[in-house]
Amino acid sequence: MAAAAFADIEEWCQFVGEWTTELAFENMTADDANVLRSHLHVLCQIEPRLWVTCGRAIAALKSLDV
């Protein structure tokens, strides 16, 4: 909901990138990481500008995939 407060798309992308990176570095199982990464991929396909800001989160989540 907090992300919806951003009227500017670039600010929104930055917020989503920082938030997902924070989530990606939380303690989670490999299954949970895969689910989050899958959702994040869908979100990035919907809004391609997110690939830039969410790349770190995606890399962190992929590292948990064993």
N, C-alpha and C. Protein backbone atom coordinates (compact mmCIF):
# COMPACT_ATOMS: atom_id res chain seq x y z
N MET A 1 0.82 -1.19 0.00
CA MET A 1 0.00 0.00 0.00
C MET A 1 0.87 1.25 0.00
N ALA A 2 1.98 1.20 0.72
CA ALA A 2 2.84 2.37 0.79
C ALA A 2 3.39 2.73 -0.58
N ALA A 3 3.66 1.74 -1.41
CA ALA A 3 4.19 2.01 -2.74
C ALA A 3 3.19 2.77 -3.59
N ALA A 4 1.93 2.61 -3.34
CA ALA A 4 0.90 3.31 -4.12
C ALA A 4 0.90 4.81 -3.87
N ALA A 5 1.58 5.25 -2.82
CA ALA A 5 1.62 6.68 -2.49
C ALA A 5 2.53 7.46 -3.44
N PHE A 6 3.33 6.77 -4.23
CA PHE A 6 4.25 7.45 -5.14
C PHE A 6 3.57 7.75 -6.46
N ALA A 7 3.46 9.03 -6.79
CA ALA A 7 2.87 9.43 -8.06
C ALA A 7 3.89 9.30 -9.20
N ASP A 8 5.17 9.51 -8.89
CA ASP A 8 6.23 9.43 -9.89
C ASP A 8 6.67 7.98 -10.07
N ILE A 9 6.69 7.51 -11.30
CA ILE A 9 7.01 6.11 -11.57
C ILE A 9 8.43 5.76 -11.16
N GLU A 10 9.36 6.67 -11.34
CA GLU A 10 10.76 6.39 -10.97
C GLU A 10 10.90 6.24 -9.46
N GLU A 11 10.22 7.09 -8.70
CA GLU A 11 10.25 6.97 -7.24
C GLU A 11 9.59 5.67 -6.80
N TRP A 12 8.52 5.30 -7.47
CA TRP A 12 7.84 4.05 -7.15
C TRP A 12 8.75 2.87 -7.43
N CYS A 13 9.42 2.86 -8.58
CA CYS A 13 10.34 1.78 -8.92
C CYS A 13 11.46 1.68 -7.90
N GLN A 14 11.98 2.82 -7.48
CA GLN A 14 13.04 2.83 -6.48
C GLN A 14 12.54 2.23 -5.16
N PHE A 15 11.36 2.63 -4.74
CA PHE A 15 10.78 2.10 -3.50
C PHE A 15 10.59 0.59 -3.59
N VAL A 16 10.01 0.12 -4.67
CA VAL A 16 9.77 -1.32 -4.84
C VAL A 16 11.09 -2.08 -4.85
N GLY A 17 12.10 -1.54 -5.52
CA GLY A 17 13.41 -2.18 -5.56
C GLY A 17 14.03 -2.30 -4.18
N GLU A 18 13.98 -1.22 -3.41
CA GLU A 18 14.55 -1.24 -2.06
C GLU A 18 13.78 -2.19 -1.15
N TRP A 19 12.45 -2.17 -1.27
CA TRP A 19 11.62 -3.03 -0.43
C TRP A 19 11.84 -4.50 -0.74
N THR A 20 11.87 -4.84 -2.04
CA THR A 20 12.06 -6.25 -2.39
C THR A 20 13.46 -6.73 -2.04
N THR A 21 14.44 -5.85 -2.12
CA THR A 21 15.80 -6.21 -1.71
C THR A 21 15.84 -6.50 -0.22
N GLU A 22 15.15 -5.68 0.55
CA GLU A 22 15.07 -5.90 1.99
C GLU A 22 14.41 -7.26 2.27
N LEU A 23 13.35 -7.55 1.57
CA LEU A 23 12.67 -8.85 1.76
C LEU A 23 13.58 -10.01 1.35
N ALA A 24 14.32 -9.83 0.27
CA ALA A 24 15.16 -10.91 -0.26
C ALA A 24 16.26 -11.30 0.70
N PHE A 25 16.68 -10.38 1.55
CA PHE A 25 17.76 -10.69 2.50
C PHE A 25 17.23 -11.16 3.85
N GLU A 26 15.94 -11.35 3.95
CA GLU A 26 15.36 -11.93 5.17
C GLU A 26 15.66 -13.43 5.20
N ASN A 27 15.58 -14.02 6.37
CA ASN A 27 15.77 -15.45 6.52
C ASN A 27 14.54 -16.16 5.98
N MET A 28 14.73 -17.00 4.94
CA MET A 28 13.60 -17.73 4.35
C MET A 28 14.08 -19.03 3.76
N THR A 29 13.14 -19.91 3.54
CA THR A 29 13.46 -21.20 2.92
C THR A 29 13.68 -21.00 1.42
N ALA A 30 14.29 -21.98 0.81
CA ALA A 30 14.50 -21.94 -0.64
C ALA A 30 13.16 -21.89 -1.37
N ASP A 31 12.16 -22.62 -0.86
CA ASP A 31 10.84 -22.60 -1.49
C ASP A 31 10.22 -21.20 -1.42
N ASP A 32 10.33 -20.56 -0.26
CA ASP A 32 9.80 -19.20 -0.12
C ASP A 32 10.53 -18.23 -1.05
N ALA A 33 11.84 -18.40 -1.17
CA ALA A 33 12.63 -17.54 -2.06
C ALA A 33 12.20 -17.73 -3.51
N ASN A 34 11.93 -18.97 -3.89
CA ASN A 34 11.48 -19.23 -5.27
C ASN A 34 10.12 -18.61 -5.55
N VAL A 35 9.22 -18.67 -4.58
CA VAL A 35 7.90 -18.07 -4.75
C VAL A 35 8.02 -16.55 -4.88
N LEU A 36 8.81 -15.94 -4.00
CA LEU A 36 8.99 -14.49 -4.06
C LEU A 36 9.66 -14.08 -5.37
N ARG A 37 10.66 -14.84 -5.80
CA ARG A 37 11.35 -14.54 -7.06
C ARG A 37 10.38 -14.66 -8.24
N SER A 38 9.52 -15.65 -8.21
CA SER A 38 8.53 -15.81 -9.27
C SER A 38 7.58 -14.63 -9.33
N HIS A 39 7.09 -14.21 -8.17
CA HIS A 39 6.20 -13.04 -8.13
C HIS A 39 6.92 -11.79 -8.62
N LEU A 40 8.18 -11.66 -8.23
CA LEU A 40 8.96 -10.50 -8.63
C LEU A 40 9.19 -10.49 -10.14
N HIS A 41 9.43 -11.65 -10.73
CA HIS A 41 9.59 -11.74 -12.18
C HIS A 41 8.32 -11.29 -12.90
N VAL A 42 7.18 -11.70 -12.40
CA VAL A 42 5.91 -11.29 -13.01
C VAL A 42 5.75 -9.77 -12.92
N LEU A 43 6.04 -9.22 -11.75
CA LEU A 43 5.94 -7.78 -11.56
C LEU A 43 6.88 -7.04 -12.52
N CYS A 44 8.09 -7.56 -12.70
CA CYS A 44 9.04 -6.93 -13.61
C CYS A 44 8.60 -7.04 -15.08
N GLN A 45 7.90 -8.10 -15.41
CA GLN A 45 7.38 -8.24 -16.77
C GLN A 45 6.25 -7.24 -17.01
N ILE A 46 5.47 -6.97 -15.98
CA ILE A 46 4.39 -5.99 -16.10
C ILE A 46 4.97 -4.58 -16.22
N GLU A 47 5.99 -4.28 -15.41
CA GLU A 47 6.64 -2.96 -15.43
C GLU A 47 8.14 -3.18 -15.61
N PRO A 48 8.64 -3.19 -16.85
CA PRO A 48 10.04 -3.50 -17.14
C PRO A 48 11.06 -2.57 -16.46
N ARG A 49 10.67 -1.37 -16.08
CA ARG A 49 11.62 -0.47 -15.39
C ARG A 49 12.03 -1.04 -14.04
N LEU A 50 11.29 -1.99 -13.53
CA LEU A 50 11.63 -2.60 -12.25
C LEU A 50 12.85 -3.52 -12.33
N TRP A 51 13.20 -4.00 -13.52
CA TRP A 51 14.36 -4.87 -13.64
C TRP A 51 15.61 -4.19 -13.08
N VAL A 52 15.72 -2.89 -13.30
CA VAL A 52 16.90 -2.15 -12.84
C VAL A 52 16.93 -2.07 -11.32
N THR A 53 15.82 -1.75 -10.71
CA THR A 53 15.80 -1.55 -9.26
C THR A 53 15.63 -2.84 -8.47
N CYS A 54 15.17 -3.89 -9.11
CA CYS A 54 14.93 -5.15 -8.41
C CYS A 54 15.99 -6.21 -8.70
N GLY A 55 16.98 -5.87 -9.49
CA GLY A 55 18.01 -6.83 -9.88
C GLY A 55 18.75 -7.43 -8.69
N ARG A 56 19.05 -6.60 -7.71
CA ARG A 56 19.76 -7.09 -6.53
C ARG A 56 18.90 -8.10 -5.76
N ALA A 57 17.62 -7.80 -5.64
CA ALA A 57 16.71 -8.73 -4.94
C ALA A 57 16.61 -10.05 -5.69
N ILE A 58 16.51 -9.98 -7.00
CA ILE A 58 16.40 -11.20 -7.80
C ILE A 58 17.66 -12.05 -7.65
N ALA A 59 18.83 -11.39 -7.66
CA ALA A 59 20.09 -12.12 -7.50
C ALA A 59 20.18 -12.78 -6.12
N ALA A 60 19.76 -12.06 -5.09
CA ALA A 60 19.79 -12.62 -3.74
C ALA A 60 18.85 -13.82 -3.63
N LEU A 61 17.68 -13.71 -4.21
CA LEU A 61 16.72 -14.81 -4.16
C LEU A 61 17.22 -16.01 -4.96
N LYS A 62 17.86 -15.74 -6.08
CA LYS A 62 18.39 -16.84 -6.90
C LYS A 62 19.50 -17.57 -6.18
N SER A 63 20.26 -16.86 -5.35
CA SER A 63 21.35 -17.52 -4.62
C SER A 63 20.84 -18.53 -3.61
N LEU A 64 19.58 -18.40 -3.20
CA LEU A 64 18.98 -19.35 -2.26
C LEU A 64 18.45 -20.59 -2.95
N ASP A 65 18.38 -20.55 -4.28
CA ASP A 65 17.88 -21.67 -5.05
C ASP A 65 18.97 -22.73 -5.11
N VAL A 66 18.73 -23.84 -4.46
CA VAL A 66 19.76 -24.87 -4.38
C VAL A 66 19.42 -26.05 -5.24
